[in-house]
Structure formats: C-alpha cells, structure tokens
C-alpha cells in the first residue's frame, strides 16, 4: 500500500487533486481489508480514510 501523501497533490490555490490510483485501488484494498474479517465488512479503504484526515487537518484550523 502506498502512502496517502503520494496520492494527493496540493496546489498553491488550495485545490486538491487526487490521483486516479486511489480510486482504482478502492475495490482491491477493500477486498484485502475484509479478507478473513468477521462481522460487518469495511466500506471505505484505509487510504480514503487517511485522505479525509489530511483534508480535515488542512481545512479545519
């Protein structure tokens, strides 16, 4: 799994650009996370959660 820092780029204007790799690996990452898991399956991959944490830190002072 690649680091989330490699999956986003922040421009000087404050726009955030996602690499399509994050979206393309969504299903594969969920499959790995849910393998041999008991109970309710995960709905969001770890990389997406990390991305949301970064957004929260950047835009919520």
PDB file of N, CA and C in Angstrom:
ATOM      1  N   UNK A   1       0.843  -1.165   0.000  1.00  0.00           N
ATOM      2  CA  UNK A   1       0.000   0.000   0.000  1.00  0.00           C
ATOM      3  C   UNK A   1       0.894   1.235   0.000  1.00  0.00           C
ATOM      4  N   UNK A   2       0.601   2.170  -0.887  1.00  0.00           N
ATOM      5  CA  UNK A   2       1.395   3.387  -0.939  1.00  0.00           C
ATOM      6  C   UNK A   2       0.891   4.386   0.077  1.00  0.00           C
ATOM      7  N   UNK A   3       1.743   5.300   0.459  1.00  0.00           N
ATOM      8  CA  UNK A   3       1.345   6.324   1.415  1.00  0.00           C
ATOM      9  C   UNK A   3       0.352   7.294   0.809  1.00  0.00           C
ATOM     10  N   UNK A   4      -0.506   7.828   1.617  1.00  0.00           N
ATOM     11  CA  UNK A   4      -1.528   8.746   1.124  1.00  0.00           C
ATOM     12  C   UNK A   4      -0.903  10.032   0.600  1.00  0.00           C
ATOM     13  N   UNK A   5       0.262  10.398   1.097  1.00  0.00           N
ATOM     14  CA  UNK A   5       0.933  11.595   0.624  1.00  0.00           C
ATOM     15  C   UNK A   5       1.256  11.537  -0.857  1.00  0.00           C
ATOM     16  N   UNK A   6       1.450  10.340  -1.387  1.00  0.00           N
ATOM     17  CA  UNK A   6       1.723  10.176  -2.803  1.00  0.00           C
ATOM     18  C   UNK A   6       0.444  10.211  -3.625  1.00  0.00           C
ATOM     19  N   UNK A   7      -0.712  10.139  -2.979  1.00  0.00           N
ATOM     20  CA  UNK A   7      -1.980  10.078  -3.686  1.00  0.00           C
ATOM     21  C   UNK A   7      -2.642  11.441  -3.847  1.00  0.00           C
ATOM     22  N   UNK A   8      -2.111  12.464  -3.199  1.00  0.00           N
ATOM     23  CA  UNK A   8      -2.705  13.786  -3.343  1.00  0.00           C
ATOM     24  C   UNK A   8      -1.636  14.809  -3.670  1.00  0.00           C
ATOM     25  N   UNK A   9      -2.040  15.857  -4.350  1.00  0.00           N
ATOM     26  CA  UNK A   9      -1.166  16.974  -4.644  1.00  0.00           C
ATOM     27  C   UNK A   9      -1.925  18.238  -4.281  1.00  0.00           C
ATOM     28  N   UNK A  10      -1.289  19.134  -3.576  1.00  0.00           N
ATOM     29  CA  UNK A  10      -1.936  20.375  -3.171  1.00  0.00           C
ATOM     30  C   UNK A  10      -1.296  21.516  -3.956  1.00  0.00           C
ATOM     31  N   UNK A  11      -2.113  22.254  -4.687  1.00  0.00           N
ATOM     32  CA  UNK A  11      -1.590  23.362  -5.476  1.00  0.00           C
ATOM     33  C   UNK A  11      -1.554  24.630  -4.631  1.00  0.00           C
ATOM     34  N   UNK A  12      -0.958  25.676  -5.161  1.00  0.00           N
ATOM     35  CA  UNK A  12      -0.853  26.936  -4.439  1.00  0.00           C
ATOM     36  C   UNK A  12      -2.216  27.587  -4.230  1.00  0.00           C
ATOM     37  N   UNK A  13      -3.180  27.269  -5.075  1.00  0.00           N
ATOM     38  CA  UNK A  13      -4.505  27.873  -4.967  1.00  0.00           C
ATOM     39  C   UNK A  13      -5.388  27.131  -3.976  1.00  0.00           C
ATOM     40  N   UNK A  14      -4.880  26.100  -3.326  1.00  0.00           N
ATOM     41  CA  UNK A  14      -5.654  25.381  -2.332  1.00  0.00           C
ATOM     42  C   UNK A  14      -6.495  24.254  -2.895  1.00  0.00           C
ATOM     43  N   UNK A  15      -6.351  23.972  -4.185  1.00  0.00           N
ATOM     44  CA  UNK A  15      -7.096  22.863  -4.768  1.00  0.00           C
ATOM     45  C   UNK A  15      -6.378  21.561  -4.468  1.00  0.00           C
ATOM     46  N   UNK A  16      -7.140  20.516  -4.316  1.00  0.00           N
ATOM     47  CA  UNK A  16      -6.569  19.199  -4.049  1.00  0.00           C
ATOM     48  C   UNK A  16      -6.880  18.303  -5.232  1.00  0.00           C
ATOM     49  N   UNK A  17      -5.849  17.703  -5.765  1.00  0.00           N
ATOM     50  CA  UNK A  17      -6.004  16.817  -6.912  1.00  0.00           C
ATOM     51  C   UNK A  17      -5.716  15.392  -6.473  1.00  0.00           C
ATOM     52  N   UNK A  18      -6.649  14.510  -6.724  1.00  0.00           N
ATOM     53  CA  UNK A  18      -6.470  13.100  -6.377  1.00  0.00           C
ATOM     54  C   UNK A  18      -5.902  12.351  -7.568  1.00  0.00           C
ATOM     55  N   UNK A  19      -4.977  11.485  -7.309  1.00  0.00           N
ATOM     56  CA  UNK A  19      -4.527  10.596  -8.366  1.00  0.00           C
ATOM     57  C   UNK A  19      -5.564   9.503  -8.539  1.00  0.00           C
ATOM     58  N   UNK A  20      -5.755   9.093  -9.751  1.00  0.00           N
ATOM     59  CA  UNK A  20      -6.771   8.072 -10.016  1.00  0.00           C
ATOM     60  C   UNK A  20      -6.403   6.730  -9.385  1.00  0.00           C
ATOM     61  N   UNK A  21      -5.147   6.563  -8.990  1.00  0.00           N
ATOM     62  CA  UNK A  21      -4.722   5.315  -8.360  1.00  0.00           C
ATOM     63  C   UNK A  21      -5.514   5.043  -7.084  1.00  0.00           C
ATOM     64  N   UNK A  22      -5.822   6.093  -6.333  1.00  0.00           N
ATOM     65  CA  UNK A  22      -6.602   5.939  -5.106  1.00  0.00           C
ATOM     66  C   UNK A  22      -7.971   5.346  -5.417  1.00  0.00           C
ATOM     67  N   UNK A  23      -8.601   5.836  -6.454  1.00  0.00           N
ATOM     68  CA  UNK A  23      -9.932   5.343  -6.815  1.00  0.00           C
ATOM     69  C   UNK A  23      -9.868   3.972  -7.484  1.00  0.00           C
ATOM     70  N   UNK A  24      -8.836   3.735  -8.284  1.00  0.00           N
ATOM     71  CA  UNK A  24      -8.713   2.438  -8.965  1.00  0.00           C
ATOM     72  C   UNK A  24      -8.426   1.305  -7.996  1.00  0.00           C
ATOM     73  N   UNK A  25      -7.725   1.597  -6.906  1.00  0.00           N
ATOM     74  CA  UNK A  25      -7.362   0.540  -5.963  1.00  0.00           C
ATOM     75  C   UNK A  25      -8.421   0.335  -4.880  1.00  0.00           C
ATOM     76  N   UNK A  26      -9.501   1.106  -4.929  1.00  0.00           N
ATOM     77  CA  UNK A  26     -10.557   1.066  -3.903  1.00  0.00           C
ATOM     78  C   UNK A  26     -11.056  -0.353  -3.660  1.00  0.00           C
ATOM     79  N   UNK A  27     -11.545  -1.028  -4.709  1.00  0.00           N
ATOM     80  CA  UNK A  27     -12.114  -2.377  -4.560  1.00  0.00           C
ATOM     81  C   UNK A  27     -11.077  -3.393  -4.096  1.00  0.00           C
ATOM     82  N   UNK A  28      -9.884  -3.313  -4.663  1.00  0.00           N
ATOM     83  CA  UNK A  28      -8.828  -4.260  -4.303  1.00  0.00           C
ATOM     84  C   UNK A  28      -8.432  -4.098  -2.830  1.00  0.00           C
ATOM     85  N   UNK A  29      -8.303  -2.868  -2.383  1.00  0.00           N
ATOM     86  CA  UNK A  29      -7.919  -2.622  -0.990  1.00  0.00           C
ATOM     87  C   UNK A  29      -9.016  -3.093  -0.029  1.00  0.00           C
ATOM     88  N   UNK A  30     -10.275  -2.851  -0.378  1.00  0.00           N
ATOM     89  CA  UNK A  30     -11.372  -3.329   0.469  1.00  0.00           C
ATOM     90  C   UNK A  30     -11.398  -4.849   0.536  1.00  0.00           C
ATOM     91  N   UNK A  31     -11.121  -5.488  -0.582  1.00  0.00           N
ATOM     92  CA  UNK A  31     -11.096  -6.952  -0.608  1.00  0.00           C
ATOM     93  C   UNK A  31     -10.042  -7.491   0.364  1.00  0.00           C
ATOM     94  N   UNK A  32      -8.873  -6.885   0.356  1.00  0.00           N
ATOM     95  CA  UNK A  32      -7.792  -7.313   1.252  1.00  0.00           C
ATOM     96  C   UNK A  32      -8.159  -7.026   2.709  1.00  0.00           C
ATOM     97  N   UNK A  33      -8.725  -5.855   2.975  1.00  0.00           N
ATOM     98  CA  UNK A  33      -9.083  -5.485   4.345  1.00  0.00           C
ATOM     99  C   UNK A  33     -10.172  -6.389   4.918  1.00  0.00           C
ATOM    100  N   UNK A  34     -11.094  -6.829   4.068  1.00  0.00           N
ATOM    101  CA  UNK A  34     -12.227  -7.633   4.533  1.00  0.00           C
ATOM    102  C   UNK A  34     -11.952  -9.134   4.537  1.00  0.00           C
ATOM    103  N   UNK A  35     -10.815  -9.539   3.988  1.00  0.00           N
ATOM    104  CA  UNK A  35     -10.466 -10.954   3.950  1.00  0.00           C
ATOM    105  C   UNK A  35     -10.327 -11.486   5.374  1.00  0.00           C
ATOM    106  N   UNK A  36     -10.999 -12.570   5.658  1.00  0.00           N
ATOM    107  CA  UNK A  36     -10.983 -13.240   6.968  1.00  0.00           C
ATOM    108  C   UNK A  36     -11.484 -12.352   8.108  1.00  0.00           C
ATOM    109  N   UNK A  37     -12.180 -11.281   7.781  1.00  0.00           N
ATOM    110  CA  UNK A  37     -12.744 -10.408   8.812  1.00  0.00           C
ATOM    111  C   UNK A  37     -14.112 -10.942   9.211  1.00  0.00           C
ATOM    112  N   UNK A  38     -14.384 -10.935  10.474  1.00  0.00           N
ATOM    113  CA  UNK A  38     -15.695 -11.353  10.959  1.00  0.00           C
ATOM    114  C   UNK A  38     -16.526 -10.106  11.223  1.00  0.00           C
ATOM    115  N   UNK A  39     -17.815 -10.211  11.034  1.00  0.00           N
ATOM    116  CA  UNK A  39     -18.693  -9.075  11.271  1.00  0.00           C
ATOM    117  C   UNK A  39     -18.888  -8.253  10.012  1.00  0.00           C
ATOM    118  N   UNK A  40     -19.373  -7.060  10.221  1.00  0.00           N
ATOM    119  CA  UNK A  40     -19.703  -6.168   9.112  1.00  0.00           C
ATOM    120  C   UNK A  40     -18.441  -5.796   8.328  1.00  0.00           C
ATOM    121  N   UNK A  41     -18.493  -5.867   6.998  1.00  0.00           N
ATOM    122  CA  UNK A  41     -17.306  -5.533   6.198  1.00  0.00           C
ATOM    123  C   UNK A  41     -17.033  -4.024   6.175  1.00  0.00           C
ATOM    124  N   UNK A  42     -15.769  -3.696   5.966  1.00  0.00           N
ATOM    125  CA  UNK A  42     -15.396  -2.296   5.799  1.00  0.00           C
ATOM    126  C   UNK A  42     -16.016  -1.775   4.510  1.00  0.00           C
ATOM    127  N   UNK A  43     -16.401  -0.501   4.501  1.00  0.00           N
ATOM    128  CA  UNK A  43     -16.984   0.112   3.309  1.00  0.00           C
ATOM    129  C   UNK A  43     -16.025   1.079   2.629  1.00  0.00           C
ATOM    130  N   UNK A  44     -15.040   1.567   3.386  1.00  0.00           N
ATOM    131  CA  UNK A  44     -14.096   2.540   2.853  1.00  0.00           C
ATOM    132  C   UNK A  44     -12.675   2.053   3.097  1.00  0.00           C
ATOM    133  N   UNK A  45     -11.803   2.158   2.091  1.00  0.00           N
ATOM    134  CA  UNK A  45     -10.414   1.714   2.264  1.00  0.00           C
ATOM    135  C   UNK A  45      -9.630   2.667   3.166  1.00  0.00           C
ATOM    136  N   UNK A  46      -8.572   2.148   3.750  1.00  0.00           N
ATOM    137  CA  UNK A  46      -7.735   2.914   4.666  1.00  0.00           C
ATOM    138  C   UNK A  46      -7.164   4.168   4.001  1.00  0.00           C
ATOM    139  N   UNK A  47      -6.752   4.065   2.744  1.00  0.00           N
ATOM    140  CA  UNK A  47      -6.195   5.230   2.056  1.00  0.00           C
ATOM    141  C   UNK A  47      -7.203   6.368   1.977  1.00  0.00           C
ATOM    142  N   UNK A  48      -8.467   6.052   1.779  1.00  0.00           N
ATOM    143  CA  UNK A  48      -9.500   7.080   1.707  1.00  0.00           C
ATOM    144  C   UNK A  48      -9.692   7.743   3.074  1.00  0.00           C
ATOM    145  N   UNK A  49      -9.679   6.954   4.134  1.00  0.00           N
ATOM    146  CA  UNK A  49      -9.803   7.495   5.487  1.00  0.00           C
ATOM    147  C   UNK A  49      -8.620   8.415   5.793  1.00  0.00           C
ATOM    148  N   UNK A  50      -7.420   8.001   5.401  1.00  0.00           N
ATOM    149  CA  UNK A  50      -6.237   8.835   5.610  1.00  0.00           C
ATOM    150  C   UNK A  50      -6.351  10.138   4.819  1.00  0.00           C
ATOM    151  N   UNK A  51      -6.853  10.059   3.606  1.00  0.00           N
ATOM    152  CA  UNK A  51      -7.059  11.249   2.784  1.00  0.00           C
ATOM    153  C   UNK A  51      -8.013  12.219   3.487  1.00  0.00           C
ATOM    154  N   UNK A  52      -9.118  11.704   4.030  1.00  0.00           N
ATOM    155  CA  UNK A  52     -10.079  12.560   4.728  1.00  0.00           C
ATOM    156  C   UNK A  52      -9.464  13.195   5.976  1.00  0.00           C
ATOM    157  N   UNK A  53      -8.581  12.461   6.656  1.00  0.00           N
ATOM    158  CA  UNK A  53      -7.903  13.023   7.831  1.00  0.00           C
ATOM    159  C   UNK A  53      -7.011  14.193   7.424  1.00  0.00           C
ATOM    160  N   UNK A  54      -6.317  14.057   6.304  1.00  0.00           N
ATOM    161  CA  UNK A  54      -5.459  15.137   5.812  1.00  0.00           C
ATOM    162  C   UNK A  54      -6.300  16.355   5.449  1.00  0.00           C
ATOM    163  N   UNK A  55      -7.413  16.140   4.771  1.00  0.00           N
ATOM    164  CA  UNK A  55      -8.316  17.238   4.411  1.00  0.00           C
ATOM    165  C   UNK A  55      -8.804  17.950   5.677  1.00  0.00           C
ATOM    166  N   UNK A  56      -9.152  17.182   6.671  1.00  0.00           N
ATOM    167  CA  UNK A  56      -9.630  17.756   7.935  1.00  0.00           C
ATOM    168  C   UNK A  56      -8.556  18.632   8.582  1.00  0.00           C
ATOM    169  N   UNK A  57      -7.341  18.151   8.608  1.00  0.00           N
ATOM    170  CA  UNK A  57      -6.244  18.909   9.227  1.00  0.00           C
ATOM    171  C   UNK A  57      -5.946  20.183   8.437  1.00  0.00           C
ATOM    172  N   UNK A  58      -5.984  20.094   7.118  1.00  0.00           N
ATOM    173  CA  UNK A  58      -5.645  21.251   6.283  1.00  0.00           C
ATOM    174  C   UNK A  58      -6.713  22.340   6.370  1.00  0.00           C
ATOM    175  N   UNK A  59      -7.973  21.952   6.306  1.00  0.00           N
ATOM    176  CA  UNK A  59      -9.042  22.940   6.178  1.00  0.00           C
ATOM    177  C   UNK A  59      -9.794  23.256   7.468  1.00  0.00           C
ATOM    178  N   UNK A  60      -9.504  22.583   8.561  1.00  0.00           N
ATOM    179  CA  UNK A  60     -10.115  22.902   9.853  1.00  0.00           C
ATOM    180  C   UNK A  60      -9.026  23.304  10.830  1.00  0.00           C
ATOM    181  N   UNK A  61      -8.828  24.596  11.001  1.00  0.00           N
ATOM    182  CA  UNK A  61      -7.739  25.068  11.877  1.00  0.00           C
ATOM    183  C   UNK A  61      -7.953  24.732  13.332  1.00  0.00           C
TER     184      UNK A  61
END
